[in-house]
Amino acid sequence: MSKINFWSNKNVFITGINGFVGGNLAEELVKRGANVFGLIRNINSNTYLFYMKIDSKIEIINGSLTNKELLKGVFIENKIDICFHLAAQVEVGVAAEYPYLTWESNIRGTYSLLEAIRESNANLSAIVVASSDKAYGEYPVDKLPYKEDYPLIPKYPYDTSKACSDLIAQSYASDLFDMPLIITRFANIYGPGQLNFSALIPDVIKCALKKDVFKPRSDGKSKRDFLYVKDVAELYCIIAENLVKNKSQLKGEIFNAGTNEEKSVREVVESVYKILNNEKELNKIIDRFNNVPSTPEGEISVQSMDYNKVKSYFGWEPRTNFQDGLNKTIEWYNTFLLNENRI
């Protein structure tokens, strides 16, 4: 497991730091003693980073991920040791409606960042690039869970954007550029601080707390693998630390992470409403599920991740089962939405 003193005074740069995962990772790194720098294009204080006051413990850099010259200056002036590339347009529906904007963010953003690192001769000791389970595309159920050696066969705009950024990162880890880079493909991440309420779990919690009415977008039979965000933050630290210590063995490796379990949308909805003792409303939602189409066009129907490789390399496995993670997440939102009188 990762040792906390490894991170003492390490200069760490996070793209997407004002996002859900970025904020949680920043919080973990600050606890471990790192000097954290984060890129933010547009300041939005309604995020985990600001709500938990993590912003006061880090250095925020204003600018765009596609501004290569700005990024070169960041790496040189701040003597960055480790970079986590988490920034992305993450909404599947937005990608279907605005593919150009998604490709600009997810594809151009990735090659701008990696080229800035290369051109600046920054000599980073570790780069971790967040790809996604969506990069695999849709495989038959009998081929699941996804394994790292599966070819990427994306079909829809979001999936394609993540597969492209994944392949670009692989090229920078090749012998041609020899960057100390690892690619991660993680399952659906949930937990405290996910304030994108178009995502399933925060949307359901908000509705079960009677702040809105849940409107199913499908028949609820689609299945996903859900990974708790605190487990993700810990795993990112483990991966980066091991890459620093063993670049020759780990450079260019790809690691999945998930729970090897699938939960249907209906199961997730039922779990949240039952935890919050709102079963009367749940019965109405089940009726609504029965009156909407199956998986919307542009979305993959079933996904799950095999994490055996990351377990064999680092001894990691998810610490938080889905029920415990959901309870912790609901507790956080209960404070955020009710006590703060938000939404």
Protein backbone atom coordinates (compact mmCIF):
# COMPACT_ATOMS: atom_id res chain seq x y z
CA MET A 1 0.00 0.00 0.00
CA SER A 2 1.00 3.62 -0.55
CA LYS A 3 3.06 5.34 2.17
CA ILE A 4 1.96 8.82 3.12
CA ASN A 5 5.49 10.25 3.45
CA PHE A 6 6.23 9.56 -0.23
CA TRP A 7 4.06 12.55 -1.13
CA SER A 8 5.62 15.04 1.26
CA ASN A 9 6.45 18.21 -0.75
CA LYS A 10 5.89 16.50 -4.11
CA ASN A 11 4.66 19.05 -6.66
CA VAL A 12 1.54 17.57 -8.20
CA PHE A 13 -0.49 18.99 -11.09
CA ILE A 14 -4.12 17.95 -11.64
CA THR A 15 -6.17 18.80 -14.70
CA GLY A 16 -9.89 18.72 -13.96
CA ILE A 17 -9.22 19.55 -10.31
CA ASN A 18 -12.57 21.32 -9.98
CA GLY A 19 -14.38 18.18 -11.06
CA PHE A 20 -15.79 15.46 -8.85
CA VAL A 21 -12.83 13.06 -9.00
CA GLY A 22 -10.26 15.85 -9.20
CA GLY A 23 -11.53 17.45 -6.01
CA ASN A 24 -11.47 14.17 -4.12
CA LEU A 25 -7.96 13.39 -5.38
CA ALA A 26 -6.74 16.86 -4.42
CA GLU A 27 -8.15 16.35 -0.92
CA GLU A 28 -6.31 13.04 -0.57
CA LEU A 29 -3.02 14.45 -1.86
CA VAL A 30 -3.18 17.45 0.49
CA LYS A 31 -3.67 15.03 3.39
CA ARG A 32 -0.55 13.18 2.24
CA GLY A 33 1.54 16.36 2.25
CA ALA A 34 1.77 17.11 -1.48
CA ASN A 35 1.95 20.59 -2.99
CA VAL A 36 -1.06 20.53 -5.28
CA PHE A 37 -1.55 22.69 -8.37
CA GLY A 38 -4.78 22.58 -10.35
CA LEU A 39 -5.93 23.93 -13.69
CA ILE A 40 -9.37 25.54 -13.83
CA ARG A 41 -10.78 27.16 -16.98
CA ASN A 42 -13.84 28.80 -15.44
CA ILE A 43 -14.10 29.26 -11.68
CA ASN A 44 -17.22 27.51 -10.38
CA SER A 45 -17.48 27.58 -6.60
CA ASN A 46 -20.38 25.12 -6.50
CA THR A 47 -18.03 22.15 -6.50
CA TYR A 48 -16.53 19.71 -4.03
CA LEU A 49 -13.19 21.54 -4.20
CA PHE A 50 -14.70 24.80 -2.93
CA TYR A 51 -17.47 23.36 -0.76
CA MET A 52 -14.93 21.37 1.27
CA LYS A 53 -12.53 24.37 1.26
CA ILE A 54 -9.77 22.39 -0.44
CA ASP A 55 -9.19 25.37 -2.75
CA SER A 56 -7.54 27.27 0.11
CA LYS A 57 -4.92 24.51 0.48
CA ILE A 58 -3.80 24.35 -3.16
CA GLU A 59 -2.63 26.66 -5.93
CA ILE A 60 -5.20 27.26 -8.66
CA ILE A 61 -4.06 28.13 -12.16
CA ASN A 62 -6.63 29.76 -14.42
CA GLY A 63 -6.52 28.71 -18.05
CA SER A 64 -7.51 26.31 -20.78
CA LEU A 65 -6.25 22.77 -21.20
CA THR A 66 -5.71 23.49 -24.91
CA ASN A 67 -3.32 26.39 -24.16
CA LYS A 68 -0.07 24.55 -24.71
CA GLU A 69 2.19 27.53 -23.95
CA LEU A 70 0.45 28.13 -20.63
CA LEU A 71 0.88 24.48 -19.68
CA LYS A 72 4.57 24.51 -20.58
CA GLY A 73 5.05 27.42 -18.20
CA VAL A 74 3.18 25.60 -15.44
CA PHE A 75 5.43 22.55 -15.65
CA ILE A 76 8.67 24.53 -15.83
CA GLU A 77 7.95 27.26 -13.27
CA ASN A 78 6.43 24.97 -10.64
CA LYS A 79 8.85 22.07 -11.16
CA ILE A 80 5.97 19.59 -11.36
CA ASP A 81 6.91 16.04 -10.34
CA ILE A 82 3.65 14.19 -11.02
CA CYS A 83 0.68 14.93 -13.28
CA PHE A 84 -2.84 13.51 -13.14
CA HIS A 85 -4.84 14.22 -16.29
CA LEU A 86 -8.50 14.00 -15.27
CA ALA A 87 -10.05 16.89 -17.22
CA ALA A 88 -12.76 15.86 -19.67
CA GLN A 89 -16.25 16.54 -20.89
CA VAL A 90 -17.88 13.58 -19.15
CA GLU A 91 -21.54 13.61 -20.16
CA VAL A 92 -22.56 11.03 -22.75
CA GLY A 93 -25.69 12.99 -23.68
CA VAL A 94 -23.76 16.22 -24.20
CA ALA A 95 -21.27 14.37 -26.40
CA ALA A 96 -24.09 13.04 -28.57
CA GLU A 97 -25.52 16.53 -29.01
CA TYR A 98 -22.24 18.47 -29.22
CA PRO A 99 -19.54 16.06 -30.44
CA TYR A 100 -17.19 18.84 -31.60
CA LEU A 101 -16.97 20.39 -28.14
CA THR A 102 -16.40 16.97 -26.57
CA TRP A 103 -13.63 16.12 -29.01
CA GLU A 104 -12.00 19.53 -28.47
CA SER A 105 -11.93 18.96 -24.73
CA ASN A 106 -11.14 15.26 -24.54
CA ILE A 107 -8.89 14.76 -27.56
CA ARG A 108 -7.24 18.14 -28.17
CA GLY A 109 -6.95 18.67 -24.44
CA THR A 110 -5.01 15.42 -24.07
CA TYR A 111 -2.49 15.97 -26.86
CA SER A 112 -2.01 19.62 -25.84
CA LEU A 113 -1.14 18.57 -22.30
CA LEU A 114 1.21 15.75 -23.28
CA GLU A 115 2.92 17.83 -25.95
CA ALA A 116 3.42 20.63 -23.41
CA ILE A 117 5.14 18.14 -21.12
CA ARG A 118 7.34 16.90 -23.97
CA GLU A 119 8.28 20.35 -25.30
CA SER A 120 9.01 21.75 -21.85
CA ASN A 121 11.50 18.97 -21.06
CA ALA A 122 9.83 18.98 -17.65
CA ASN A 123 11.23 15.55 -16.75
CA LEU A 124 8.17 14.48 -14.76
CA SER A 125 8.51 11.29 -12.77
CA ALA A 126 4.91 10.10 -13.34
CA ILE A 127 1.94 10.93 -15.57
CA VAL A 128 -1.43 9.26 -15.04
CA VAL A 129 -4.03 9.70 -17.79
CA ALA A 130 -7.66 8.92 -17.01
CA SER A 131 -9.35 7.06 -19.84
CA SER A 132 -12.68 5.31 -19.22
CA ASP A 133 -14.55 2.03 -19.38
CA LYS A 134 -16.49 3.68 -22.22
CA ALA A 135 -13.37 3.57 -24.41
CA TYR A 136 -13.87 -0.16 -24.89
CA GLY A 137 -17.19 0.32 -26.66
CA GLU A 138 -19.96 -2.24 -26.46
CA TYR A 139 -18.99 -5.88 -26.07
CA PRO A 140 -21.33 -8.89 -25.86
CA VAL A 141 -22.35 -9.69 -22.29
CA ASP A 142 -20.50 -13.01 -22.43
CA LYS A 143 -17.24 -11.08 -22.98
CA LEU A 144 -17.64 -8.99 -19.83
CA PRO A 145 -16.04 -7.84 -17.62
CA TYR A 146 -13.66 -5.80 -19.79
CA LYS A 147 -10.00 -6.78 -19.68
CA GLU A 148 -7.10 -4.48 -20.49
CA ASP A 149 -6.07 -6.38 -23.62
CA TYR A 150 -9.48 -5.96 -25.27
CA PRO A 151 -9.35 -3.85 -28.46
CA LEU A 152 -11.04 -0.46 -28.22
CA ILE A 153 -14.14 -0.47 -30.45
CA PRO A 154 -15.99 2.77 -29.66
CA LYS A 155 -19.05 3.75 -31.66
CA TYR A 156 -20.57 6.87 -30.10
CA PRO A 157 -19.02 10.35 -29.71
CA TYR A 158 -18.14 10.18 -26.00
CA ASP A 159 -16.72 6.66 -26.26
CA THR A 160 -14.71 7.69 -29.31
CA SER A 161 -13.31 10.75 -27.56
CA LYS A 162 -12.03 8.65 -24.66
CA ALA A 163 -10.61 5.96 -26.95
CA CYS A 164 -8.76 8.61 -28.98
CA SER A 165 -7.26 10.25 -25.91
CA ASP A 166 -6.34 6.77 -24.64
CA LEU A 167 -4.46 5.93 -27.86
CA ILE A 168 -2.75 9.33 -27.91
CA ALA A 169 -1.51 8.71 -24.37
CA GLN A 170 -0.24 5.27 -25.38
CA SER A 171 1.82 6.86 -28.17
CA TYR A 172 3.50 9.24 -25.70
CA ALA A 173 4.38 6.27 -23.49
CA SER A 174 5.97 4.45 -26.43
CA ASP A 175 9.74 4.18 -26.89
CA LEU A 176 9.58 7.14 -29.29
CA PHE A 177 8.77 9.63 -26.50
CA ASP A 178 9.44 7.42 -23.48
CA MET A 179 7.16 9.28 -21.08
CA PRO A 180 6.58 7.71 -17.64
CA LEU A 181 2.86 7.35 -18.27
CA ILE A 182 0.10 4.99 -17.14
CA ILE A 183 -3.46 4.91 -18.47
CA THR A 184 -6.42 4.13 -16.23
CA ARG A 185 -9.80 2.84 -17.35
CA PHE A 186 -12.17 3.00 -14.41
CA ALA A 187 -15.81 2.07 -13.98
CA ASN A 188 -18.57 4.58 -13.17
CA ILE A 189 -17.34 6.58 -10.19
CA TYR A 190 -19.73 7.79 -7.49
CA GLY A 191 -19.55 9.31 -4.04
CA PRO A 192 -19.40 12.63 -2.16
CA GLY A 193 -19.01 15.70 -4.32
CA GLN A 194 -20.51 14.55 -7.61
CA LEU A 195 -22.49 17.70 -8.32
CA ASN A 196 -23.35 16.87 -11.91
CA PHE A 197 -26.99 16.05 -11.25
CA SER A 198 -27.50 14.55 -14.68
CA ALA A 199 -25.47 11.58 -13.38
CA LEU A 200 -27.60 8.74 -12.07
CA ILE A 201 -26.67 8.49 -8.38
CA PRO A 202 -26.73 12.20 -7.45
CA ASP A 203 -29.94 12.62 -9.45
CA VAL A 204 -31.64 9.74 -7.63
CA ILE A 205 -30.48 10.91 -4.20
CA LYS A 206 -31.70 14.44 -4.86
CA CYS A 207 -35.10 13.10 -5.95
CA ALA A 208 -35.38 10.63 -3.06
CA LEU A 209 -34.73 13.57 -0.71
CA LYS A 210 -37.79 15.17 -2.33
CA LYS A 211 -35.86 17.95 -4.01
CA ASP A 212 -37.00 16.90 -7.49
CA VAL A 213 -38.99 14.23 -9.33
CA PHE A 214 -37.03 11.34 -10.79
CA LYS A 215 -37.63 10.89 -14.51
CA PRO A 216 -36.26 7.64 -15.96
CA ARG A 217 -34.44 8.01 -19.26
CA SER A 218 -34.68 4.30 -20.03
CA ASP A 219 -36.40 1.14 -18.81
CA GLY A 220 -33.74 0.85 -16.09
CA LYS A 221 -32.29 -2.44 -17.29
CA SER A 222 -28.92 -1.00 -18.33
CA LYS A 223 -26.11 -2.21 -16.05
CA ARG A 224 -22.98 -0.50 -14.80
CA ASP A 225 -20.08 -1.20 -12.46
CA PHE A 226 -19.89 1.44 -9.71
CA LEU A 227 -16.66 2.40 -7.95
CA TYR A 228 -16.52 4.58 -4.82
CA VAL A 229 -14.54 7.80 -5.28
CA LYS A 230 -12.42 7.48 -2.12
CA ASP A 231 -11.18 4.11 -3.39
CA VAL A 232 -10.36 5.80 -6.69
CA ALA A 233 -8.35 8.58 -5.03
CA GLU A 234 -6.34 6.02 -3.08
CA LEU A 235 -5.70 3.96 -6.22
CA TYR A 236 -4.48 6.98 -8.16
CA CYS A 237 -1.92 7.62 -5.41
CA ILE A 238 -0.82 3.99 -5.44
CA ILE A 239 -0.41 3.93 -9.22
CA ALA A 240 1.59 7.16 -9.38
CA GLU A 241 3.86 6.19 -6.51
CA ASN A 242 4.64 2.82 -8.06
CA LEU A 243 5.28 4.40 -11.45
CA VAL A 244 7.83 6.76 -9.91
CA LYS A 245 9.61 3.85 -8.28
CA ASN A 246 9.50 1.49 -11.25
CA LYS A 247 9.20 3.40 -14.51
CA SER A 248 10.90 0.73 -16.64
CA GLN A 249 8.35 -1.94 -15.73
CA LEU A 250 5.19 0.18 -15.55
CA LYS A 251 5.60 2.77 -18.32
CA GLY A 252 2.77 2.38 -20.85
CA GLU A 253 0.70 -0.01 -18.75
CA ILE A 254 -3.09 0.17 -18.70
CA PHE A 255 -5.13 -0.61 -15.59
CA ASN A 256 -8.84 -1.21 -15.20
CA ALA A 257 -10.58 -0.68 -11.91
CA GLY A 258 -14.08 -1.56 -10.82
CA THR A 259 -15.79 -4.04 -8.56
CA ASN A 260 -16.42 -6.90 -11.00
CA GLU A 261 -20.10 -6.47 -10.20
CA GLU A 262 -22.92 -5.00 -12.26
CA LYS A 263 -25.85 -3.00 -10.91
CA SER A 264 -28.84 -2.14 -13.04
CA VAL A 265 -30.26 1.37 -13.03
CA ARG A 266 -33.37 -0.02 -11.36
CA GLU A 267 -31.30 -1.64 -8.61
CA VAL A 268 -29.53 1.64 -7.90
CA VAL A 269 -32.79 3.58 -7.77
CA GLU A 270 -34.44 1.01 -5.51
CA SER A 271 -31.43 0.97 -3.15
CA VAL A 272 -31.43 4.74 -2.70
CA TYR A 273 -35.18 5.06 -2.13
CA LYS A 274 -35.18 2.18 0.35
CA ILE A 275 -32.26 3.63 2.35
CA LEU A 276 -34.20 6.91 2.58
CA ASN A 277 -37.47 5.16 3.45
CA ASN A 278 -39.26 6.62 0.46
CA GLU A 279 -40.84 3.45 -0.92
CA LYS A 280 -44.16 5.11 -1.69
CA GLU A 281 -42.49 7.25 -4.34
CA LEU A 282 -40.42 4.26 -5.48
CA ASN A 283 -43.55 2.41 -6.57
CA LYS A 284 -44.45 5.34 -8.83
CA ILE A 285 -40.97 5.29 -10.35
CA ILE A 286 -41.18 1.59 -11.14
CA ASP A 287 -44.36 2.32 -13.09
CA ARG A 288 -42.50 5.07 -14.98
CA PHE A 289 -39.69 2.65 -15.86
CA ASN A 290 -42.24 0.41 -17.53
CA ASN A 291 -43.35 3.21 -19.83
CA VAL A 292 -40.05 4.38 -21.30
CA PRO A 293 -37.82 2.86 -24.03
CA SER A 294 -34.79 0.66 -23.42
CA THR A 295 -31.21 2.01 -23.46
CA PRO A 296 -31.12 5.43 -25.19
CA GLU A 297 -29.28 5.71 -28.49
CA GLY A 298 -25.67 6.65 -27.84
CA GLU A 299 -25.32 4.69 -24.59
CA ILE A 300 -23.79 1.27 -23.93
CA SER A 301 -26.22 -1.19 -22.36
CA VAL A 302 -23.99 -3.26 -20.03
CA GLN A 303 -20.51 -2.57 -18.66
CA SER A 304 -18.31 -4.05 -15.95
CA MET A 305 -14.59 -4.05 -15.23
CA ASP A 306 -12.08 -6.77 -14.42
CA TYR A 307 -9.63 -5.44 -11.81
CA ASN A 308 -7.43 -8.53 -11.50
CA LYS A 309 -4.45 -6.84 -13.18
CA VAL A 310 -4.33 -3.86 -10.82
CA LYS A 311 -4.75 -6.27 -7.90
CA SER A 312 -1.89 -8.46 -9.09
CA TYR A 313 0.45 -5.48 -9.62
CA PHE A 314 -0.35 -3.42 -6.53
CA GLY A 315 -2.48 -5.55 -4.23
CA TRP A 316 -5.37 -3.12 -4.68
CA GLU A 317 -9.02 -4.05 -4.55
CA PRO A 318 -12.05 -1.89 -3.78
CA ARG A 319 -12.45 -1.34 -0.04
CA THR A 320 -16.00 -0.01 -0.19
CA ASN A 321 -18.90 -2.24 -1.18
CA PHE A 322 -21.79 -0.63 -3.01
CA GLN A 323 -24.18 -0.54 -0.07
CA ASP A 324 -21.64 1.09 2.26
CA GLY A 325 -20.59 3.54 -0.43
CA LEU A 326 -24.19 4.47 -1.10
CA ASN A 327 -24.85 5.06 2.59
CA LYS A 328 -21.80 7.35 2.86
CA THR A 329 -22.78 9.18 -0.30
CA ILE A 330 -26.36 9.73 0.83
CA GLU A 331 -25.13 11.03 4.19
CA TRP A 332 -22.94 13.60 2.40
CA TYR A 333 -25.74 14.74 0.09
CA ASN A 334 -28.16 14.93 2.98
CA THR A 335 -25.92 17.61 4.48
CA PHE A 336 -25.18 19.31 1.19
CA LEU A 337 -28.77 19.48 -0.07
CA LEU A 338 -30.81 19.83 3.12
CA ASN A 339 -28.69 21.64 5.68
CA GLU A 340 -27.25 24.00 3.06
CA ASN A 341 -30.68 24.43 1.48
CA ARG A 342 -29.27 23.87 -2.00
CA ILE A 343 -30.91 22.88 -5.30
